[in-house]
N, C-alpha and C. Protein backbone atom coordinates (compact mmCIF):
# COMPACT_ATOMS: atom_id res chain seq x y z
N MET A 1 -4.70 32.36 -52.71
CA MET A 1 -3.15 31.13 -53.16
C MET A 1 -2.11 32.32 -52.24
N LYS A 2 -1.79 31.93 -51.30
CA LYS A 2 -0.59 32.05 -50.27
C LYS A 2 0.55 32.14 -51.28
N GLN A 3 0.76 33.37 -50.80
CA GLN A 3 2.64 33.87 -51.57
C GLN A 3 3.76 32.82 -51.23
N MET A 4 5.09 32.29 -52.27
CA MET A 4 5.39 31.77 -51.98
C MET A 4 6.60 32.66 -51.51
N VAL A 5 7.56 32.56 -50.11
CA VAL A 5 8.42 33.36 -49.95
C VAL A 5 9.94 32.80 -50.08
N ASP A 6 10.82 32.79 -50.26
CA ASP A 6 11.91 32.77 -50.93
C ASP A 6 13.00 33.17 -49.94
N THR A 7 13.36 32.38 -49.37
CA THR A 7 14.53 32.30 -48.06
C THR A 7 15.73 31.62 -48.64
N SER A 8 16.17 31.95 -49.65
CA SER A 8 17.32 31.46 -49.84
C SER A 8 18.58 32.30 -49.47
N ASN A 9 19.63 31.72 -48.82
CA ASN A 9 20.60 31.97 -48.03
C ASN A 9 20.36 33.75 -46.90
N ALA A 10 19.00 32.84 -46.55
CA ALA A 10 18.37 33.76 -45.18
C ALA A 10 19.09 32.85 -43.99
N PRO A 11 19.80 33.58 -43.03
CA PRO A 11 19.82 33.01 -41.81
C PRO A 11 18.60 32.22 -40.82
N LEU A 12 19.05 31.20 -40.24
CA LEU A 12 17.79 30.72 -39.34
C LEU A 12 17.79 31.50 -38.09
N CYS A 13 16.94 32.31 -37.61
CA CYS A 13 17.43 32.87 -36.30
C CYS A 13 16.29 31.85 -35.24
N LEU A 14 17.22 32.08 -34.28
CA LEU A 14 16.25 30.95 -33.35
C LEU A 14 16.21 32.37 -32.04
N ASP A 15 15.03 32.74 -31.18
CA ASP A 15 15.10 33.64 -30.66
C ASP A 15 14.31 33.32 -29.28
N GLY A 16 14.81 32.83 -28.09
CA GLY A 16 14.28 33.13 -27.49
C GLY A 16 13.31 31.61 -27.53
N LEU A 17 14.19 30.59 -28.03
CA LEU A 17 13.26 29.46 -28.16
C LEU A 17 13.56 28.41 -27.53
N GLU A 18 12.40 28.24 -26.44
CA GLU A 18 12.64 27.38 -25.14
C GLU A 18 11.35 26.14 -25.43
N ILE A 19 11.89 25.19 -25.02
CA ILE A 19 11.25 23.76 -24.77
C ILE A 19 11.32 23.56 -23.50
N ARG A 20 10.02 23.18 -22.87
CA ARG A 20 10.22 22.94 -21.39
C ARG A 20 9.24 20.88 -21.42
N LEU A 21 9.40 20.52 -20.23
CA LEU A 21 8.63 19.81 -19.90
C LEU A 21 8.03 19.63 -18.52
N GLY A 22 7.02 19.72 -18.05
CA GLY A 22 6.62 20.72 -17.74
C GLY A 22 6.65 21.71 -16.56
N ASP A 23 7.56 21.50 -15.61
CA ASP A 23 7.95 22.75 -14.71
C ASP A 23 9.42 22.60 -14.82
N ARG A 24 9.89 22.13 -16.34
CA ARG A 24 11.41 21.96 -15.94
C ARG A 24 11.83 22.20 -17.79
N THR A 25 12.92 23.32 -17.82
CA THR A 25 13.43 23.91 -18.96
C THR A 25 14.69 23.22 -19.57
N LEU A 26 14.32 22.47 -20.93
CA LEU A 26 14.88 21.48 -21.55
C LEU A 26 16.18 22.06 -22.55
N VAL A 27 15.68 22.88 -22.80
CA VAL A 27 16.21 24.06 -23.57
C VAL A 27 15.91 25.36 -23.44
N SER A 28 16.53 26.29 -23.90
CA SER A 28 16.65 27.99 -23.73
C SER A 28 17.71 28.51 -24.99
N VAL A 29 17.56 28.68 -25.96
CA VAL A 29 18.48 29.23 -27.00
C VAL A 29 18.07 30.22 -27.57
N THR A 30 18.89 31.39 -27.95
CA THR A 30 19.22 32.82 -28.87
C THR A 30 20.43 32.04 -29.55
N ALA A 31 20.10 32.09 -30.79
CA ALA A 31 21.34 32.29 -31.83
C ALA A 31 20.88 32.19 -33.22
N ASP A 32 21.89 32.69 -34.16
CA ASP A 32 21.86 32.97 -35.79
C ASP A 32 22.50 32.33 -36.18
N VAL A 33 22.09 31.24 -36.98
CA VAL A 33 22.83 30.13 -38.03
C VAL A 33 23.00 30.62 -39.39
N ALA A 34 23.83 31.28 -39.48
CA ALA A 34 24.34 32.04 -40.93
C ALA A 34 24.34 31.05 -42.09
N PRO A 35 23.88 31.38 -43.12
CA PRO A 35 23.54 30.23 -44.43
C PRO A 35 25.52 29.74 -44.85
N GLY A 36 25.17 28.03 -44.60
CA GLY A 36 26.26 27.68 -44.71
C GLY A 36 26.97 26.95 -43.47
N GLY A 37 26.83 28.02 -42.12
CA GLY A 37 27.28 27.76 -41.15
C GLY A 37 26.56 26.67 -40.05
N VAL A 38 27.07 26.02 -39.30
CA VAL A 38 26.76 25.15 -38.42
C VAL A 38 26.88 25.32 -36.60
N LEU A 39 25.47 25.39 -36.23
CA LEU A 39 25.63 25.71 -34.76
C LEU A 39 25.32 24.10 -34.36
N THR A 40 26.12 23.95 -33.46
CA THR A 40 26.46 22.37 -32.68
C THR A 40 25.54 22.40 -31.47
N VAL A 41 24.87 21.70 -31.14
CA VAL A 41 24.66 21.50 -29.86
C VAL A 41 25.19 20.25 -29.51
N MET A 42 25.67 20.58 -28.19
CA MET A 42 25.92 19.11 -27.35
C MET A 42 25.69 19.43 -26.33
N GLY A 43 25.80 17.88 -25.41
CA GLY A 43 24.89 18.01 -24.25
C GLY A 43 24.80 16.20 -24.07
N PRO A 44 24.96 15.70 -22.73
CA PRO A 44 24.56 14.61 -22.60
C PRO A 44 23.40 13.97 -22.94
N SER A 45 23.03 12.65 -22.86
CA SER A 45 21.42 11.69 -23.16
C SER A 45 20.47 12.52 -22.35
N GLY A 46 19.24 12.84 -22.78
CA GLY A 46 17.83 13.27 -22.36
C GLY A 46 18.27 14.86 -22.24
N SER A 47 19.42 15.48 -22.41
CA SER A 47 19.22 17.23 -22.12
C SER A 47 18.13 17.74 -22.55
N GLY A 48 17.66 17.11 -24.44
CA GLY A 48 17.14 17.65 -25.00
C GLY A 48 17.89 18.14 -26.23
N LYS A 49 18.56 17.53 -26.56
CA LYS A 49 19.61 17.68 -27.95
C LYS A 49 18.46 17.82 -28.97
N SER A 50 17.92 16.37 -29.25
CA SER A 50 17.83 15.85 -30.66
C SER A 50 15.95 16.40 -30.25
N THR A 51 15.37 16.90 -28.83
CA THR A 51 14.46 17.41 -28.89
C THR A 51 14.32 18.61 -29.71
N LEU A 52 15.11 19.30 -29.70
CA LEU A 52 15.36 20.72 -30.16
C LEU A 52 15.08 20.53 -31.86
N LEU A 53 15.50 19.72 -32.40
CA LEU A 53 15.63 19.59 -34.03
C LEU A 53 13.94 18.94 -34.00
N HIS A 54 13.81 18.63 -33.31
CA HIS A 54 11.78 17.74 -33.31
C HIS A 54 11.38 19.45 -33.52
N ALA A 55 11.36 20.28 -32.27
CA ALA A 55 10.81 21.39 -32.38
C ALA A 55 10.58 22.13 -34.09
N LEU A 56 12.14 22.51 -34.53
CA LEU A 56 12.28 22.55 -35.21
C LEU A 56 11.41 22.46 -36.74
N SER A 57 11.63 20.87 -36.62
CA SER A 57 10.75 19.98 -37.79
C SER A 57 9.61 19.95 -37.60
N GLY A 58 9.13 20.14 -36.47
CA GLY A 58 7.67 20.52 -36.40
C GLY A 58 6.96 19.46 -36.13
N SER A 59 7.89 18.05 -35.39
CA SER A 59 7.30 16.70 -34.54
C SER A 59 7.75 17.00 -33.32
N LEU A 60 7.58 17.76 -32.43
CA LEU A 60 7.62 17.48 -31.08
C LEU A 60 6.33 17.74 -30.54
N ALA A 61 6.81 16.39 -29.78
CA ALA A 61 5.52 16.03 -29.25
C ALA A 61 5.07 16.96 -28.31
N PRO A 62 3.32 16.66 -28.33
CA PRO A 62 2.91 16.94 -27.43
C PRO A 62 2.71 17.24 -26.08
N VAL A 63 3.54 16.54 -25.02
CA VAL A 63 3.78 16.76 -24.16
C VAL A 63 5.12 17.73 -23.55
N PHE A 64 5.47 18.53 -24.48
CA PHE A 64 6.37 19.37 -24.36
C PHE A 64 6.15 20.43 -24.15
N THR A 65 6.18 22.25 -23.91
CA THR A 65 5.82 22.98 -24.68
C THR A 65 6.95 23.72 -25.56
N LEU A 66 6.39 24.67 -26.14
CA LEU A 66 6.88 25.07 -27.23
C LEU A 66 7.08 27.10 -26.93
N SER A 67 7.87 27.56 -26.61
CA SER A 67 7.55 29.15 -26.96
C SER A 67 8.95 29.75 -27.81
N GLY A 68 8.70 30.99 -28.03
CA GLY A 68 10.05 31.36 -28.68
C GLY A 68 9.39 31.76 -30.21
N ARG A 69 10.52 31.60 -30.82
CA ARG A 69 10.64 32.27 -32.67
C ARG A 69 11.40 31.70 -33.10
N ALA A 70 11.38 30.79 -34.63
CA ALA A 70 12.54 30.41 -35.24
C ALA A 70 12.03 30.63 -36.65
N LYS A 71 12.84 31.91 -36.88
CA LYS A 71 12.51 32.67 -38.36
C LYS A 71 13.67 32.11 -39.39
N MET A 72 13.18 31.98 -40.82
CA MET A 72 14.47 32.55 -41.51
C MET A 72 13.52 33.43 -42.68
N GLY A 73 14.62 34.65 -42.76
CA GLY A 73 14.02 35.63 -43.69
C GLY A 73 12.84 36.21 -42.78
N SER A 74 11.72 36.38 -43.13
CA SER A 74 10.01 36.97 -43.12
C SER A 74 9.04 35.53 -42.91
N VAL A 75 9.29 34.64 -42.82
CA VAL A 75 9.19 33.29 -42.04
C VAL A 75 9.37 32.38 -40.95
N ASP A 76 7.79 32.37 -40.03
CA ASP A 76 8.34 32.25 -38.89
C ASP A 76 7.54 30.36 -39.10
N LEU A 77 9.00 30.04 -38.89
CA LEU A 77 9.04 28.15 -38.95
C LEU A 77 7.65 27.64 -38.48
N LEU A 78 7.16 28.21 -37.08
CA LEU A 78 6.68 27.65 -35.92
C LEU A 78 5.46 27.94 -36.15
N ALA A 79 5.14 28.67 -36.77
CA ALA A 79 4.32 28.93 -37.29
C ALA A 79 3.49 27.75 -38.58
N LEU A 80 4.03 27.12 -39.61
CA LEU A 80 3.91 26.60 -40.33
C LEU A 80 3.69 25.03 -39.79
N PRO A 81 2.89 24.20 -40.58
CA PRO A 81 2.94 22.82 -40.63
C PRO A 81 4.23 21.97 -41.38
N PRO A 82 4.17 20.80 -40.39
CA PRO A 82 5.71 20.19 -40.85
C PRO A 82 6.17 20.09 -41.99
N GLU A 83 5.15 19.97 -43.09
CA GLU A 83 5.56 19.37 -44.62
C GLU A 83 5.80 20.63 -45.32
N THR A 84 5.50 21.97 -44.73
CA THR A 84 6.07 23.46 -45.71
C THR A 84 7.36 23.90 -44.95
N ARG A 85 7.71 22.98 -43.54
CA ARG A 85 8.64 23.81 -43.16
C ARG A 85 10.12 23.95 -43.84
N ARG A 86 10.46 22.62 -44.25
CA ARG A 86 11.11 22.19 -45.45
C ARG A 86 12.63 22.58 -44.43
N MET A 87 12.76 21.60 -43.43
CA MET A 87 13.71 21.13 -42.51
C MET A 87 14.25 19.42 -43.53
N GLY A 88 15.49 19.85 -43.55
CA GLY A 88 16.30 18.56 -43.86
C GLY A 88 16.60 17.98 -43.22
N LEU A 89 16.44 16.66 -43.06
CA LEU A 89 16.68 15.64 -41.55
C LEU A 89 17.89 14.85 -41.82
N LEU A 90 18.82 14.61 -41.22
CA LEU A 90 20.04 13.60 -41.55
C LEU A 90 20.10 12.83 -39.93
N PHE A 91 19.96 11.30 -39.73
CA PHE A 91 19.84 10.85 -38.71
C PHE A 91 21.04 9.81 -38.49
N GLN A 92 21.26 8.82 -37.45
CA GLN A 92 22.42 8.38 -37.62
C GLN A 92 22.13 7.20 -38.44
N ASP A 93 21.15 6.23 -38.78
CA ASP A 93 21.05 5.99 -39.93
C ASP A 93 20.46 6.35 -41.41
N ALA A 94 20.67 5.68 -42.14
CA ALA A 94 20.48 6.37 -43.40
C ALA A 94 18.72 6.13 -43.82
N LEU A 95 18.37 5.13 -42.99
CA LEU A 95 16.83 5.26 -43.38
C LEU A 95 16.30 5.05 -44.89
N LEU A 96 16.95 4.46 -45.64
CA LEU A 96 16.58 4.34 -47.36
C LEU A 96 15.77 3.25 -47.16
N PHE A 97 14.44 3.67 -48.23
CA PHE A 97 13.42 2.78 -48.10
C PHE A 97 13.64 1.60 -48.70
N PRO A 98 13.48 -0.17 -48.28
CA PRO A 98 14.26 -1.38 -48.50
C PRO A 98 13.23 -1.43 -50.04
N HIS A 99 11.80 -1.13 -50.01
CA HIS A 99 11.02 -1.38 -51.21
C HIS A 99 11.82 -0.86 -52.57
N LEU A 100 12.27 0.20 -52.13
CA LEU A 100 12.85 1.17 -53.61
C LEU A 100 14.20 0.73 -53.68
N SER A 101 14.41 1.02 -55.07
CA SER A 101 15.27 0.99 -55.88
C SER A 101 16.75 2.29 -54.95
N VAL A 102 17.76 2.17 -54.81
CA VAL A 102 18.93 3.62 -54.20
C VAL A 102 18.17 4.85 -55.26
N CYS A 103 17.82 4.82 -56.84
CA CYS A 103 17.29 5.50 -57.52
C CYS A 103 15.95 5.98 -57.06
N GLY A 104 15.12 5.59 -56.76
CA GLY A 104 13.83 5.55 -56.22
C GLY A 104 13.80 6.31 -55.13
N ASN A 105 14.50 6.02 -54.27
CA ASN A 105 14.43 6.68 -53.24
C ASN A 105 14.67 8.29 -53.82
N LEU A 106 15.71 8.64 -54.42
CA LEU A 106 16.28 10.02 -54.43
C LEU A 106 14.83 10.38 -55.04
N MET A 107 14.19 9.71 -56.09
CA MET A 107 13.14 10.56 -57.03
C MET A 107 12.13 10.71 -55.80
N LEU A 108 11.99 9.88 -55.09
CA LEU A 108 10.73 10.17 -54.25
C LEU A 108 10.73 11.50 -53.17
N ALA A 109 12.36 12.20 -53.14
CA ALA A 109 12.17 13.12 -52.33
C ALA A 109 12.33 14.59 -53.39
N ILE A 110 12.14 14.44 -54.74
CA ILE A 110 12.26 15.61 -55.11
C ILE A 110 10.73 16.13 -55.81
N PRO A 111 10.91 17.70 -55.22
CA PRO A 111 10.13 18.22 -54.90
C PRO A 111 8.68 18.31 -56.29
N ARG A 112 7.35 18.04 -56.35
CA ARG A 112 6.46 18.45 -57.48
C ARG A 112 7.15 19.87 -57.99
N GLY A 113 7.41 20.17 -59.25
CA GLY A 113 7.92 20.95 -59.97
C GLY A 113 9.22 21.45 -60.20
N ALA A 114 10.10 20.58 -59.39
CA ALA A 114 11.17 20.32 -59.79
C ALA A 114 11.64 20.05 -60.89
N ALA A 115 11.12 19.12 -61.65
CA ALA A 115 11.49 18.20 -62.48
C ALA A 115 10.14 17.80 -63.23
N LYS A 116 9.37 17.74 -64.54
CA LYS A 116 7.86 17.74 -65.25
C LYS A 116 8.35 15.90 -65.99
N GLY A 117 8.04 14.73 -65.24
CA GLY A 117 8.37 13.12 -65.83
C GLY A 117 9.00 12.79 -65.67
N ARG A 118 8.92 11.43 -65.70
CA ARG A 118 9.84 10.51 -64.87
C ARG A 118 11.16 10.25 -64.95
N ALA A 119 11.18 10.82 -66.84
CA ALA A 119 12.67 10.99 -67.23
C ALA A 119 13.21 11.90 -66.22
N ALA A 120 13.05 13.23 -66.27
CA ALA A 120 13.51 14.48 -65.68
C ALA A 120 13.60 13.67 -64.58
N ARG A 121 12.96 13.84 -63.49
CA ARG A 121 13.33 12.95 -62.36
C ARG A 121 14.52 12.32 -62.12
N GLN A 122 14.41 10.94 -62.76
CA GLN A 122 15.42 9.91 -62.95
C GLN A 122 17.05 10.90 -63.03
N ALA A 123 16.84 11.71 -64.06
CA ALA A 123 18.39 12.49 -64.77
C ALA A 123 19.04 13.13 -63.35
N LEU A 124 17.82 14.07 -62.43
CA LEU A 124 17.98 14.19 -61.16
C LEU A 124 18.64 13.70 -60.34
N ALA A 125 18.36 12.49 -60.62
CA ALA A 125 18.57 11.26 -59.45
C ALA A 125 20.02 10.68 -59.71
N GLU A 126 19.96 10.70 -60.99
CA GLU A 126 21.43 9.72 -61.48
C GLU A 126 22.38 11.17 -61.44
N GLU A 127 22.06 12.96 -61.76
CA GLU A 127 23.06 13.56 -61.16
C GLU A 127 24.18 13.42 -60.36
N ALA A 128 22.57 13.16 -59.18
CA ALA A 128 23.20 13.41 -57.62
C ALA A 128 24.06 12.62 -56.96
N LEU A 129 23.53 10.87 -57.78
CA LEU A 129 24.17 9.67 -57.62
C LEU A 129 25.84 10.16 -58.05
N ALA A 130 26.39 10.46 -59.35
CA ALA A 130 27.28 10.87 -60.01
C ALA A 130 27.99 12.04 -59.10
N ALA A 131 27.46 12.79 -58.50
CA ALA A 131 28.36 13.77 -57.60
C ALA A 131 28.28 13.31 -56.44
N ILE A 132 28.36 12.30 -55.85
CA ILE A 132 28.99 11.58 -54.86
C ILE A 132 29.79 10.22 -54.54
N GLY A 133 29.96 9.88 -56.42
CA GLY A 133 30.97 8.95 -56.89
C GLY A 133 30.31 7.41 -56.71
N LEU A 134 28.95 7.93 -57.19
CA LEU A 134 27.87 6.51 -57.05
C LEU A 134 27.40 6.24 -57.98
N GLU A 135 28.24 6.57 -59.35
CA GLU A 135 27.42 6.53 -60.63
C GLU A 135 27.15 5.44 -60.97
N GLY A 136 25.85 5.12 -61.59
CA GLY A 136 25.55 3.61 -61.81
C GLY A 136 25.12 2.94 -60.98
N PHE A 137 24.97 3.52 -59.73
CA PHE A 137 24.11 3.05 -58.37
C PHE A 137 22.65 2.73 -58.50
N GLY A 138 21.94 3.66 -59.41
CA GLY A 138 20.65 3.38 -59.56
C GLY A 138 19.89 2.76 -59.09
N ALA A 139 20.44 1.67 -59.88
CA ALA A 139 18.99 0.37 -59.74
C ALA A 139 19.56 -0.62 -58.49
N ARG A 140 20.49 -0.20 -58.16
CA ARG A 140 21.09 -1.35 -57.23
C ARG A 140 19.76 -1.16 -55.49
N ASP A 141 19.55 -2.11 -54.72
CA ASP A 141 19.23 -2.30 -53.95
C ASP A 141 19.59 -1.67 -52.61
N PRO A 142 18.94 -0.75 -51.93
CA PRO A 142 20.02 -0.55 -50.53
C PRO A 142 20.41 -1.07 -49.72
N ALA A 143 19.87 -2.49 -49.57
CA ALA A 143 20.22 -3.17 -48.80
C ALA A 143 21.97 -3.75 -49.36
N THR A 144 22.16 -3.41 -50.90
CA THR A 144 23.36 -4.21 -51.02
C THR A 144 24.71 -2.96 -50.61
N LEU A 145 24.11 -1.82 -49.97
CA LEU A 145 25.22 -0.22 -50.38
C LEU A 145 25.57 -0.90 -48.60
N SER A 146 27.17 -0.20 -48.58
CA SER A 146 28.29 -0.13 -47.74
C SER A 146 26.96 0.83 -46.56
N GLY A 147 27.59 1.34 -45.60
CA GLY A 147 27.52 1.93 -44.55
C GLY A 147 27.71 3.10 -45.23
N GLY A 148 29.06 3.49 -45.49
CA GLY A 148 29.32 5.40 -45.98
C GLY A 148 28.54 5.58 -47.41
N GLN A 149 28.29 4.26 -48.34
CA GLN A 149 27.38 4.37 -49.59
C GLN A 149 25.95 4.55 -49.10
N ALA A 150 25.63 4.58 -48.07
CA ALA A 150 24.53 4.37 -48.12
C ALA A 150 24.48 6.16 -47.09
N ALA A 151 25.10 6.47 -46.13
CA ALA A 151 25.52 7.79 -45.66
C ALA A 151 24.56 8.73 -46.96
N ARG A 152 25.92 8.80 -48.20
CA ARG A 152 26.08 9.43 -49.17
C ARG A 152 24.80 9.82 -50.03
N VAL A 153 24.05 8.18 -50.15
CA VAL A 153 22.69 8.79 -50.49
C VAL A 153 21.69 9.29 -49.60
N ALA A 154 21.67 8.97 -48.41
CA ALA A 154 20.78 9.66 -47.38
C ALA A 154 21.02 11.04 -47.68
N LEU A 155 21.87 11.88 -47.99
CA LEU A 155 22.52 13.16 -47.67
C LEU A 155 21.97 13.29 -49.16
N GLN A 156 22.31 12.96 -50.47
CA GLN A 156 21.54 13.59 -51.05
C GLN A 156 19.81 13.52 -51.06
N ARG A 157 19.58 12.41 -51.01
CA ARG A 157 17.96 12.21 -50.79
C ARG A 157 17.80 13.67 -50.05
N THR A 158 17.95 14.12 -49.16
CA THR A 158 17.51 14.87 -48.37
C THR A 158 18.05 16.31 -49.26
N LEU A 159 18.77 16.32 -49.71
CA LEU A 159 19.26 18.06 -50.63
C LEU A 159 18.30 17.78 -51.68
N LEU A 160 17.84 16.99 -52.37
CA LEU A 160 17.01 16.82 -53.31
C LEU A 160 15.84 17.07 -53.00
N SER A 161 15.67 17.39 -51.55
CA SER A 161 14.20 17.61 -51.34
C SER A 161 14.16 19.32 -51.04
N GLN A 162 15.39 19.73 -51.45
CA GLN A 162 15.11 21.22 -51.25
C GLN A 162 14.94 21.84 -50.53
N PRO A 163 15.61 21.78 -49.29
CA PRO A 163 15.73 22.38 -48.24
C PRO A 163 15.55 23.30 -47.61
N ARG A 164 15.14 23.97 -46.56
CA ARG A 164 15.56 25.96 -46.47
C ARG A 164 17.13 25.21 -45.16
N ALA A 165 16.99 24.35 -44.17
CA ALA A 165 17.86 24.22 -43.22
C ALA A 165 18.33 22.61 -43.20
N LEU A 166 19.09 22.58 -42.91
CA LEU A 166 19.50 20.91 -42.57
C LEU A 166 19.43 20.92 -41.15
N LEU A 167 19.25 19.82 -40.39
CA LEU A 167 18.84 19.01 -39.27
C LEU A 167 19.70 17.62 -39.23
N LEU A 168 21.08 17.77 -38.42
CA LEU A 168 21.74 16.50 -38.07
C LEU A 168 21.92 16.02 -36.68
N ASP A 169 20.48 14.62 -36.69
CA ASP A 169 20.66 13.91 -35.33
C ASP A 169 22.07 13.00 -35.74
N GLU A 170 22.94 13.71 -35.13
CA GLU A 170 24.40 12.64 -34.63
C GLU A 170 24.82 11.87 -36.09
N PRO A 171 24.26 12.28 -37.35
CA PRO A 171 24.89 11.33 -38.55
C PRO A 171 25.71 10.51 -39.10
N PHE A 172 26.91 11.31 -38.02
CA PHE A 172 28.37 10.88 -38.27
C PHE A 172 28.72 9.07 -37.43
N SER A 173 27.99 9.03 -36.59
CA SER A 173 28.19 8.25 -34.93
C SER A 173 28.09 7.05 -35.14
N LYS A 174 27.63 6.46 -36.36
CA LYS A 174 27.83 4.78 -36.66
C LYS A 174 28.61 4.74 -37.74
N LEU A 175 29.53 5.66 -37.99
CA LEU A 175 30.48 5.47 -39.30
C LEU A 175 31.90 5.19 -38.15
N ASP A 176 33.03 4.38 -39.47
CA ASP A 176 34.14 4.12 -38.76
C ASP A 176 35.31 5.43 -39.09
N ALA A 177 36.16 5.76 -38.34
CA ALA A 177 36.55 6.93 -38.38
C ALA A 177 36.81 8.03 -39.59
N ALA A 178 37.52 7.20 -40.05
CA ALA A 178 38.11 7.20 -41.82
C ALA A 178 36.79 7.71 -42.76
N LEU A 179 35.08 6.95 -42.22
CA LEU A 179 33.81 7.07 -43.21
C LEU A 179 33.74 8.84 -42.17
N ARG A 180 33.74 8.24 -41.09
CA ARG A 180 33.11 9.86 -40.24
C ARG A 180 33.98 10.71 -41.02
N ALA A 181 35.37 11.15 -41.09
CA ALA A 181 35.71 12.00 -41.11
C ALA A 181 35.56 12.81 -43.21
N ASP A 182 35.26 11.71 -44.06
CA ASP A 182 34.78 11.94 -45.23
C ASP A 182 33.33 12.00 -45.14
N MET A 183 32.29 11.66 -44.14
CA MET A 183 30.88 12.06 -44.34
C MET A 183 30.87 14.07 -43.67
N ARG A 184 31.72 14.18 -42.89
CA ARG A 184 31.38 15.56 -42.69
C ARG A 184 31.94 16.52 -43.26
N ALA A 185 33.24 16.10 -44.36
CA ALA A 185 33.52 16.91 -45.38
C ALA A 185 32.81 16.95 -46.29
N LEU A 186 31.92 15.70 -46.56
CA LEU A 186 30.66 15.98 -47.70
C LEU A 186 29.30 16.56 -47.36
N VAL A 187 29.45 16.39 -45.99
CA VAL A 187 27.94 17.48 -45.59
C VAL A 187 28.33 19.16 -45.57
N PHE A 188 29.64 19.20 -44.64
CA PHE A 188 29.34 20.66 -44.76
C PHE A 188 30.00 21.46 -46.09
N ASP A 189 30.59 20.76 -46.59
CA ASP A 189 30.92 21.14 -47.88
C ASP A 189 29.82 21.73 -49.03
N HIS A 190 28.42 20.46 -48.39
CA HIS A 190 27.33 20.67 -49.36
C HIS A 190 26.39 21.83 -48.96
N ALA A 191 26.71 22.13 -47.98
CA ALA A 191 25.37 22.59 -46.58
C ALA A 191 26.30 24.03 -47.24
N ARG A 192 27.52 24.41 -47.06
CA ARG A 192 28.03 25.82 -47.93
C ARG A 192 28.33 26.15 -48.94
N ALA A 193 27.98 25.34 -49.84
CA ALA A 193 27.61 25.69 -50.72
C ALA A 193 26.35 26.08 -51.48
N ARG A 194 25.22 25.37 -50.76
CA ARG A 194 24.15 25.84 -50.89
C ARG A 194 23.08 26.78 -49.94
N GLN A 195 24.80 27.41 -49.22
CA GLN A 195 24.14 28.24 -48.41
C GLN A 195 23.22 27.58 -46.88
N LEU A 196 23.12 26.69 -47.02
CA LEU A 196 22.03 25.95 -45.89
C LEU A 196 22.39 26.22 -45.19
N PRO A 197 21.86 26.89 -43.45
CA PRO A 197 22.06 27.02 -42.17
C PRO A 197 22.25 25.40 -42.07
N VAL A 198 22.85 25.03 -40.34
CA VAL A 198 22.99 23.62 -40.79
C VAL A 198 22.63 24.03 -38.84
N VAL A 199 21.81 22.94 -38.21
CA VAL A 199 21.92 22.46 -36.72
C VAL A 199 22.47 21.40 -36.40
N MET A 200 23.23 20.94 -35.61
CA MET A 200 23.99 19.85 -35.34
C MET A 200 23.78 19.21 -34.13
N VAL A 201 23.37 18.04 -33.63
CA VAL A 201 23.19 17.74 -32.59
C VAL A 201 24.14 16.49 -32.65
N THR A 202 25.08 16.48 -31.51
CA THR A 202 26.16 15.40 -31.49
C THR A 202 26.66 15.38 -29.84
N HIS A 203 27.67 14.20 -29.62
CA HIS A 203 28.12 13.91 -28.70
C HIS A 203 29.75 13.86 -28.43
N ASP A 204 30.30 13.73 -29.73
CA ASP A 204 31.33 14.36 -30.46
C ASP A 204 31.95 15.34 -30.85
N PRO A 205 33.07 15.28 -29.86
CA PRO A 205 33.81 16.68 -29.84
C PRO A 205 34.14 17.00 -31.15
N ASP A 206 34.89 16.23 -31.52
CA ASP A 206 35.65 16.39 -33.15
C ASP A 206 34.28 16.55 -34.63
N ASP A 207 32.90 16.42 -34.70
CA ASP A 207 32.34 16.95 -34.90
C ASP A 207 32.30 17.95 -34.95
N ALA A 208 32.46 18.62 -33.39
CA ALA A 208 31.86 20.02 -33.33
C ALA A 208 33.30 20.57 -34.18
N ALA A 209 34.55 20.24 -33.93
CA ALA A 209 35.44 20.95 -34.07
C ALA A 209 35.85 20.79 -36.08
N ALA A 210 35.33 20.06 -36.40
CA ALA A 210 34.67 19.60 -37.81
C ALA A 210 34.03 21.06 -38.58
N ALA A 211 32.86 20.85 -37.95
CA ALA A 211 31.81 22.28 -38.34
C ALA A 211 32.70 23.87 -38.22
N GLY A 212 33.06 23.74 -36.93
CA GLY A 212 33.59 25.17 -37.25
C GLY A 212 32.89 26.07 -36.64
N GLY A 213 31.59 26.28 -36.13
CA GLY A 213 30.77 26.94 -35.76
C GLY A 213 30.30 27.21 -34.23
N PRO A 214 29.77 28.04 -33.74
CA PRO A 214 29.50 28.17 -32.20
C PRO A 214 29.32 26.28 -32.05
N VAL A 215 29.29 26.42 -30.50
CA VAL A 215 28.81 25.18 -30.20
C VAL A 215 27.79 25.90 -28.71
N PHE A 216 26.66 25.26 -28.38
CA PHE A 216 25.69 25.56 -27.29
C PHE A 216 25.57 24.25 -26.77
N GLU A 217 25.73 23.90 -25.58
CA GLU A 217 26.07 22.96 -25.00
C GLU A 217 24.91 23.24 -23.74
N LEU A 218 23.95 21.96 -23.66
CA LEU A 218 23.16 22.00 -22.87
C LEU A 218 23.54 21.11 -21.48
N GLU A 219 22.98 21.30 -20.56
CA GLU A 219 23.79 20.74 -19.19
C GLU A 219 22.37 19.46 -19.21
């Protein structure tokens, strides 16, 4: 049986990570993302921002060539299958499952072993909702949520999956200005509290300013 390696509080280390499409280099990055820190990746559409997140999560299309390393502690992430990398993803859309309740969406993310039995899993989901000001929303249909509420549920669903790191694919871009500021603060505060390294791709300089970490610009 393979031994599980604890990567809590470990930085995400990108060492000569390179993504190529044919003879064209899309991404070439070396960076260390501290626990709770944010690496912001900026660039125009088609520059490879989201492709970097696909490489880290294990969903990179075979048309691309990937080289270099991505490690957390002694764990070589690129050597793991996608389902065991534990990269938490947040997208522009909340992508909540319409056939499940709000609580059902959260319960689905809880790993086996984190809670025994349905009641324990439901209690974890309800606690997660209360932590974002949505106490009592568990039985709701996701279609009845506002954009900001759905974004908060999506964040908690990702965090309940016990990720090693967070990968943000412009998750604030579809929110209005006031909600965007609130969601930035919520996401970055939760990442710091859990000491999760964050890689965020964005077009918005305000996202980068709110993150407060290094910015890597793609041409």
